[in-house]
């Protein structure tokens, strides 16, 4: 038993790592600029803010999987089962417009697809918050869902 609530454990696990990943994002943006002369056409602050929320979403998803799994092997296998379809259905590997109609419907449930739309809009088209707020709502929704899920699992485990 610890004197902290499960939500405090969750935040203590995902916030520091999220900050480190955000620094990595800044380093990658700088490398893109210095090596390839590529810089976002839109707001860098908005790009970093959206990236921060998406990083927290993925970290909370990982925490949810690890809290649910009964062993480290099961957590790794579950992660592979989650990540592989996300990459295939997000538009990162295959263009969404070339997918069959039934899979385009599934794409709307993939958080990575929404994140890709946002960062492509900011980087390539100077998109603002008004241009992608529905995608951002999906990311916020998943983030809230996963944090609540981890909180419930940890409460059941009496952590």
Protein backbone atom coordinates (compact mmCIF):
# COMPACT_ATOMS: atom_id res chain seq x y z
CA UNK A 1 0.00 0.00 0.00
CA UNK A 2 1.20 3.45 -0.85
CA UNK A 3 -0.06 6.80 0.47
CA UNK A 4 -0.76 7.95 -3.10
CA UNK A 5 -3.81 7.44 -5.26
CA UNK A 6 -3.65 5.44 -8.53
CA UNK A 7 -4.00 8.58 -10.65
CA UNK A 8 -0.89 9.99 -8.98
CA UNK A 9 1.01 6.80 -9.86
CA UNK A 10 -0.21 7.06 -13.45
CA UNK A 11 0.86 10.69 -13.78
CA UNK A 12 4.17 9.94 -12.07
CA UNK A 13 4.89 7.30 -14.69
CA UNK A 14 3.75 9.02 -17.88
CA UNK A 15 4.60 12.71 -17.34
CA UNK A 16 8.41 12.41 -16.95
CA UNK A 17 8.73 10.06 -19.91
CA UNK A 18 6.41 12.26 -21.95
CA UNK A 19 8.67 15.22 -21.23
CA UNK A 20 11.72 13.26 -22.41
CA UNK A 21 9.91 12.26 -25.61
CA UNK A 22 8.91 15.88 -26.19
CA UNK A 23 12.57 16.87 -25.98
CA UNK A 24 13.32 14.12 -28.52
CA UNK A 25 10.66 15.62 -30.78
CA UNK A 26 12.36 19.01 -30.57
CA UNK A 27 15.71 17.42 -31.40
CA UNK A 28 14.19 15.64 -34.41
CA UNK A 29 12.63 18.88 -35.63
CA UNK A 30 16.03 20.59 -35.32
CA UNK A 31 17.71 17.76 -37.21
CA UNK A 32 15.06 17.99 -39.92
CA UNK A 33 15.80 21.67 -40.25
CA UNK A 34 19.60 21.47 -40.22
CA UNK A 35 19.96 18.33 -42.35
CA UNK A 36 17.07 18.70 -44.79
CA UNK A 37 16.00 22.33 -44.46
CA UNK A 38 12.49 21.25 -43.43
CA UNK A 39 10.60 23.34 -40.90
CA UNK A 40 6.87 23.41 -40.08
CA UNK A 41 4.89 25.98 -42.06
CA UNK A 42 2.47 26.26 -39.15
CA UNK A 43 2.88 26.99 -35.46
CA UNK A 44 5.69 25.10 -33.75
CA UNK A 45 4.07 25.69 -30.35
CA UNK A 46 0.83 24.13 -31.59
CA UNK A 47 2.75 21.21 -33.08
CA UNK A 48 4.55 20.57 -29.79
CA UNK A 49 1.33 20.89 -27.78
CA UNK A 50 -0.48 18.36 -29.97
CA UNK A 51 2.55 16.07 -29.90
CA UNK A 52 2.62 16.27 -26.10
CA UNK A 53 -0.99 15.11 -25.87
CA UNK A 54 -0.38 12.33 -28.38
CA UNK A 55 2.70 11.19 -26.43
CA UNK A 56 0.64 11.10 -23.23
CA UNK A 57 -2.00 9.10 -25.09
CA UNK A 58 0.54 6.49 -26.19
CA UNK A 59 2.21 6.33 -22.80
CA UNK A 60 -1.14 5.86 -21.07
CA UNK A 61 -2.02 3.18 -23.64
CA UNK A 62 1.22 1.38 -22.79
CA UNK A 63 0.49 1.72 -19.10
CA UNK A 64 -3.00 0.32 -19.67
CA UNK A 65 -1.58 -2.71 -21.49
CA UNK A 66 1.05 -3.33 -18.83
CA UNK A 67 -1.49 -2.98 -16.01
CA UNK A 68 -3.85 -5.39 -17.77
CA UNK A 69 -1.24 -7.98 -18.78
CA UNK A 70 -0.41 -10.80 -16.44
CA UNK A 71 3.22 -11.07 -17.59
CA UNK A 72 5.78 -9.02 -19.50
CA UNK A 73 5.52 -11.43 -22.43
CA UNK A 74 1.78 -10.91 -22.65
CA UNK A 75 2.29 -7.14 -22.57
CA UNK A 76 4.76 -7.30 -25.46
CA UNK A 77 2.49 -9.55 -27.52
CA UNK A 78 -0.50 -7.32 -26.88
CA UNK A 79 1.51 -4.25 -27.86
CA UNK A 80 2.51 -5.85 -31.16
CA UNK A 81 -1.13 -6.73 -31.83
CA UNK A 82 -2.10 -3.10 -31.20
CA UNK A 83 0.73 -1.28 -33.00
CA UNK A 84 0.87 -3.29 -36.23
CA UNK A 85 -2.72 -2.57 -37.35
CA UNK A 86 -2.31 1.07 -36.28
CA UNK A 87 0.64 1.54 -38.61
CA UNK A 88 -1.13 -0.21 -41.47
CA UNK A 89 -4.43 1.63 -41.06
CA UNK A 90 -3.18 5.09 -40.12
CA UNK A 91 -2.04 6.28 -43.53
CA UNK A 92 1.59 6.09 -42.45
CA UNK A 93 2.43 2.99 -44.51
CA UNK A 94 -0.42 2.90 -47.04
CA UNK A 95 -2.39 5.91 -48.29
CA UNK A 96 -5.91 6.00 -46.85
CA UNK A 97 -7.49 6.98 -50.18
CA UNK A 98 -6.28 3.71 -51.73
CA UNK A 99 -7.84 1.56 -49.01
CA UNK A 100 -11.17 -0.23 -49.42
CA UNK A 101 -14.22 1.61 -48.09
CA UNK A 102 -14.65 -0.69 -45.09
CA UNK A 103 -11.08 -0.04 -43.89
CA UNK A 104 -11.47 3.74 -44.28
CA UNK A 105 -14.24 3.51 -41.72
CA UNK A 106 -11.89 1.67 -39.33
CA UNK A 107 -9.20 4.33 -39.83
CA UNK A 108 -11.37 6.79 -37.91
CA UNK A 109 -10.86 4.68 -34.77
CA UNK A 110 -7.04 4.75 -35.04
CA UNK A 111 -5.54 7.58 -32.94
CA UNK A 112 -2.33 7.61 -34.98
CA UNK A 113 -4.30 8.47 -38.13
CA UNK A 114 -5.69 11.57 -36.43
CA UNK A 115 -2.25 12.58 -35.19
CA UNK A 116 -0.80 12.16 -38.68
CA UNK A 117 -3.51 14.41 -40.13
CA UNK A 118 -2.68 17.08 -37.58
CA UNK A 119 1.09 17.05 -37.98
CA UNK A 120 0.87 16.89 -41.77
CA UNK A 121 -1.47 19.87 -41.68
CA UNK A 122 0.83 21.89 -39.45
CA UNK A 123 4.02 20.92 -41.26
CA UNK A 124 2.79 21.15 -44.84
CA UNK A 125 -0.21 23.49 -44.95
CA UNK A 126 0.05 25.94 -42.03
CA UNK A 127 -3.09 24.43 -40.50
CA UNK A 128 -4.39 25.91 -37.29
CA UNK A 129 -6.51 24.64 -34.44
CA UNK A 130 -9.72 25.42 -36.31
CA UNK A 131 -8.63 23.10 -39.14
CA UNK A 132 -8.17 19.95 -37.07
CA UNK A 133 -10.17 20.28 -33.85
CA UNK A 134 -12.20 17.08 -34.59
CA UNK A 135 -8.97 15.08 -34.80
CA UNK A 136 -7.76 16.67 -31.59
CA UNK A 137 -11.02 15.74 -29.84
CA UNK A 138 -10.45 12.10 -30.80
CA UNK A 139 -6.95 12.22 -29.29
CA UNK A 140 -8.29 13.84 -26.09
CA UNK A 141 -11.07 11.24 -25.93
CA UNK A 142 -8.68 8.32 -26.19
CA UNK A 143 -6.33 9.91 -23.66
CA UNK A 144 -9.16 10.28 -21.15
CA UNK A 145 -10.40 6.74 -21.84
CA UNK A 146 -6.98 5.18 -21.29
CA UNK A 147 -6.18 7.16 -18.13
CA UNK A 148 -9.56 6.20 -16.64
CA UNK A 149 -8.96 2.57 -17.67
CA UNK A 150 -5.55 2.43 -16.00
CA UNK A 151 -6.96 4.14 -12.92
CA UNK A 152 -9.73 1.54 -12.64
CA UNK A 153 -7.34 -1.39 -13.08
CA UNK A 154 -4.99 0.01 -10.43
CA UNK A 155 -7.90 0.59 -8.04
CA UNK A 156 -8.99 -3.03 -8.48
CA UNK A 157 -5.44 -4.18 -7.77
CA UNK A 158 -5.45 -1.98 -4.63
CA UNK A 159 -2.22 -0.27 -5.69
